[in-house]
Amino acid sequence: MATEIIMPQLGLTMEEGTIAKWIKQVGDKVAVGDVLVEITTDKLSSEIESEVEGVLLKIVAQEGEDIPVKGLLAIIGAEGEQVGAASAPADKKRRSSN
């Protein structure tokens, strides 16, 4: 089952973080403790480590993008596992039928 990787709250006043650089890329195998991504806030830079093992199936938050605390960064799961596009914030846009 796929696991969502979310933006952690690294400080009491942190409301969002900026994706500085993805260390792992889609398709990469990930072990517990592997650094996935570097994020920056107005006060610090930090590396986010994986708490699960598997394969990086999808990157939702792109480099340079500001993501709120608890916002979706990526999805890790089993090799070949399919993840729905509904997980991506950009997919909230709806097409008009008019």
C-alpha atoms as a PDB file:
ATOM      1  CA  MET A   1       0.000   0.000   0.000  1.00  0.00           C
ATOM      2  CA  ALA A   2       1.326   3.419  -0.948  1.00  0.00           C
ATOM      3  CA  THR A   3       2.406   5.881   1.738  1.00  0.00           C
ATOM      4  CA  GLU A   4       2.004   9.633   1.377  1.00  0.00           C
ATOM      5  CA  ILE A   5       5.030  11.702   2.359  1.00  0.00           C
ATOM      6  CA  ILE A   6       3.888  14.991   3.871  1.00  0.00           C
ATOM      7  CA  MET A   7       5.573  18.271   4.767  1.00  0.00           C
ATOM      8  CA  PRO A   8       6.590  18.032   8.425  1.00  0.00           C
ATOM      9  CA  GLN A   9       6.308  20.905  10.875  1.00  0.00           C
ATOM     10  CA  LEU A  10       9.943  21.555  11.759  1.00  0.00           C
ATOM     11  CA  GLY A  11       9.321  24.453  14.134  1.00  0.00           C
ATOM     12  CA  LEU A  12       6.511  25.792  16.270  1.00  0.00           C
ATOM     13  CA  THR A  13       5.822  28.689  13.912  1.00  0.00           C
ATOM     14  CA  MET A  14       6.461  26.884  10.608  1.00  0.00           C
ATOM     15  CA  GLU A  15       3.491  27.175   8.252  1.00  0.00           C
ATOM     16  CA  GLU A  16       5.113  26.107   4.966  1.00  0.00           C
ATOM     17  CA  GLY A  17       8.372  24.977   3.424  1.00  0.00           C
ATOM     18  CA  THR A  18       9.935  25.410   0.005  1.00  0.00           C
ATOM     19  CA  ILE A  19      11.152  22.421  -1.981  1.00  0.00           C
ATOM     20  CA  ALA A  20      14.837  23.188  -2.574  1.00  0.00           C
ATOM     21  CA  LYS A  21      15.976  19.953  -4.266  1.00  0.00           C
ATOM     22  CA  TRP A  22      14.739  16.412  -4.718  1.00  0.00           C
ATOM     23  CA  ILE A  23      17.498  13.925  -3.862  1.00  0.00           C
ATOM     24  CA  LYS A  24      15.488  10.868  -4.951  1.00  0.00           C
ATOM     25  CA  GLN A  25      13.654  10.707  -8.273  1.00  0.00           C
ATOM     26  CA  VAL A  26      10.573   8.808  -9.421  1.00  0.00           C
ATOM     27  CA  GLY A  27      11.462   5.120  -9.768  1.00  0.00           C
ATOM     28  CA  ASP A  28      14.293   5.223  -7.207  1.00  0.00           C
ATOM     29  CA  LYS A  29      14.319   2.609  -4.469  1.00  0.00           C
ATOM     30  CA  VAL A  30      14.045   4.163  -1.008  1.00  0.00           C
ATOM     31  CA  ALA A  31      15.156   2.736   2.349  1.00  0.00           C
ATOM     32  CA  VAL A  32      14.177   3.959   5.793  1.00  0.00           C
ATOM     33  CA  GLY A  33      16.458   6.903   6.615  1.00  0.00           C
ATOM     34  CA  ASP A  34      17.280   7.788   3.001  1.00  0.00           C
ATOM     35  CA  VAL A  35      17.152  11.522   2.304  1.00  0.00           C
ATOM     36  CA  LEU A  36      14.283  12.230  -0.085  1.00  0.00           C
ATOM     37  CA  VAL A  37      14.232  15.991  -0.422  1.00  0.00           C
ATOM     38  CA  GLU A  38      15.819  19.194   0.858  1.00  0.00           C
ATOM     39  CA  ILE A  39      13.429  21.886   2.087  1.00  0.00           C
ATOM     40  CA  THR A  40      13.961  25.434   3.257  1.00  0.00           C
ATOM     41  CA  THR A  41      11.945  27.721   5.486  1.00  0.00           C
ATOM     42  CA  ASP A  42      12.496  31.323   6.485  1.00  0.00           C
ATOM     43  CA  LYS A  43      14.629  30.058   9.394  1.00  0.00           C
ATOM     44  CA  LEU A  44      16.355  26.833   8.312  1.00  0.00           C
ATOM     45  CA  SER A  45      17.233  24.256   5.692  1.00  0.00           C
ATOM     46  CA  SER A  46      16.518  20.613   6.353  1.00  0.00           C
ATOM     47  CA  GLU A  47      16.688  17.201   4.731  1.00  0.00           C
ATOM     48  CA  ILE A  48      13.550  15.074   4.910  1.00  0.00           C
ATOM     49  CA  GLU A  49      14.248  11.372   5.398  1.00  0.00           C
ATOM     50  CA  SER A  50      11.988   8.504   4.448  1.00  0.00           C
ATOM     51  CA  GLU A  51      10.178   6.712   7.257  1.00  0.00           C
ATOM     52  CA  VAL A  52       9.200   3.843   4.925  1.00  0.00           C
ATOM     53  CA  GLU A  53      10.896   1.695   2.330  1.00  0.00           C
ATOM     54  CA  GLY A  54       9.753   1.095  -1.203  1.00  0.00           C
ATOM     55  CA  VAL A  55       9.926   2.920  -4.524  1.00  0.00           C
ATOM     56  CA  LEU A  56       9.334   6.633  -5.063  1.00  0.00           C
ATOM     57  CA  LEU A  57       6.187   6.377  -7.189  1.00  0.00           C
ATOM     58  CA  LYS A  58       5.234  10.015  -7.571  1.00  0.00           C
ATOM     59  CA  ILE A  59       6.603  13.476  -6.786  1.00  0.00           C
ATOM     60  CA  VAL A  60       3.742  15.891  -6.185  1.00  0.00           C
ATOM     61  CA  ALA A  61       5.603  18.987  -4.923  1.00  0.00           C
ATOM     62  CA  GLN A  62       8.040  20.446  -7.437  1.00  0.00           C
ATOM     63  CA  GLU A  63      11.342  22.216  -6.761  1.00  0.00           C
ATOM     64  CA  GLY A  64      10.792  25.875  -5.915  1.00  0.00           C
ATOM     65  CA  GLU A  65       7.209  25.254  -4.804  1.00  0.00           C
ATOM     66  CA  ASP A  66       5.933  26.377  -1.374  1.00  0.00           C
ATOM     67  CA  ILE A  67       4.067  23.574   0.406  1.00  0.00           C
ATOM     68  CA  PRO A  68       2.020  24.030   3.596  1.00  0.00           C
ATOM     69  CA  VAL A  69       2.709  21.907   6.685  1.00  0.00           C
ATOM     70  CA  LYS A  70       1.001  18.524   6.179  1.00  0.00           C
ATOM     71  CA  GLY A  71       0.851  19.172   2.418  1.00  0.00           C
ATOM     72  CA  LEU A  72       1.583  16.224   0.117  1.00  0.00           C
ATOM     73  CA  LEU A  73       5.178  15.962  -1.114  1.00  0.00           C
ATOM     74  CA  ALA A  74       5.416  12.506  -2.680  1.00  0.00           C
ATOM     75  CA  ILE A  75       4.159   8.931  -2.637  1.00  0.00           C
ATOM     76  CA  ILE A  76       6.234   5.835  -1.855  1.00  0.00           C
ATOM     77  CA  GLY A  77       4.945   2.310  -2.451  1.00  0.00           C
ATOM     78  CA  ALA A  78       5.684  -1.064  -3.959  1.00  0.00           C
ATOM     79  CA  GLU A  79       7.447  -1.310  -7.311  1.00  0.00           C
ATOM     80  CA  GLY A  80       4.847  -1.226 -10.086  1.00  0.00           C
ATOM     81  CA  GLU A  81       2.076  -0.016  -7.776  1.00  0.00           C
ATOM     82  CA  GLN A  82      -0.312   2.432  -9.443  1.00  0.00           C
ATOM     83  CA  VAL A  83      -1.174   5.700  -7.716  1.00  0.00           C
ATOM     84  CA  GLY A  84      -4.134   7.826  -8.704  1.00  0.00           C
ATOM     85  CA  ALA A  85      -3.801  11.338 -10.037  1.00  0.00           C
ATOM     86  CA  ALA A  86      -6.340  12.462  -7.430  1.00  0.00           C
ATOM     87  CA  SER A  87      -3.534  12.772  -4.906  1.00  0.00           C
ATOM     88  CA  ALA A  88      -2.014  15.729  -6.718  1.00  0.00           C
ATOM     89  CA  PRO A  89      -3.205  19.187  -5.584  1.00  0.00           C
ATOM     90  CA  ALA A  90      -3.157  20.433  -9.191  1.00  0.00           C
ATOM     91  CA  ASP A  91      -5.856  17.911 -10.049  1.00  0.00           C
ATOM     92  CA  LYS A  92      -8.414  19.908  -8.069  1.00  0.00           C
ATOM     93  CA  LYS A  93      -9.122  21.922 -11.218  1.00  0.00           C
ATOM     94  CA  ARG A  94     -12.374  20.817 -12.817  1.00  0.00           C
ATOM     95  CA  ARG A  95     -13.254  20.945 -16.460  1.00  0.00           C
ATOM     96  CA  SER A  96     -16.326  22.868 -17.437  1.00  0.00           C
ATOM     97  CA  SER A  97     -18.888  21.044 -19.544  1.00  0.00           C
ATOM     98  CA  ASN A  98     -20.398  24.275 -20.925  1.00  0.00           C
END
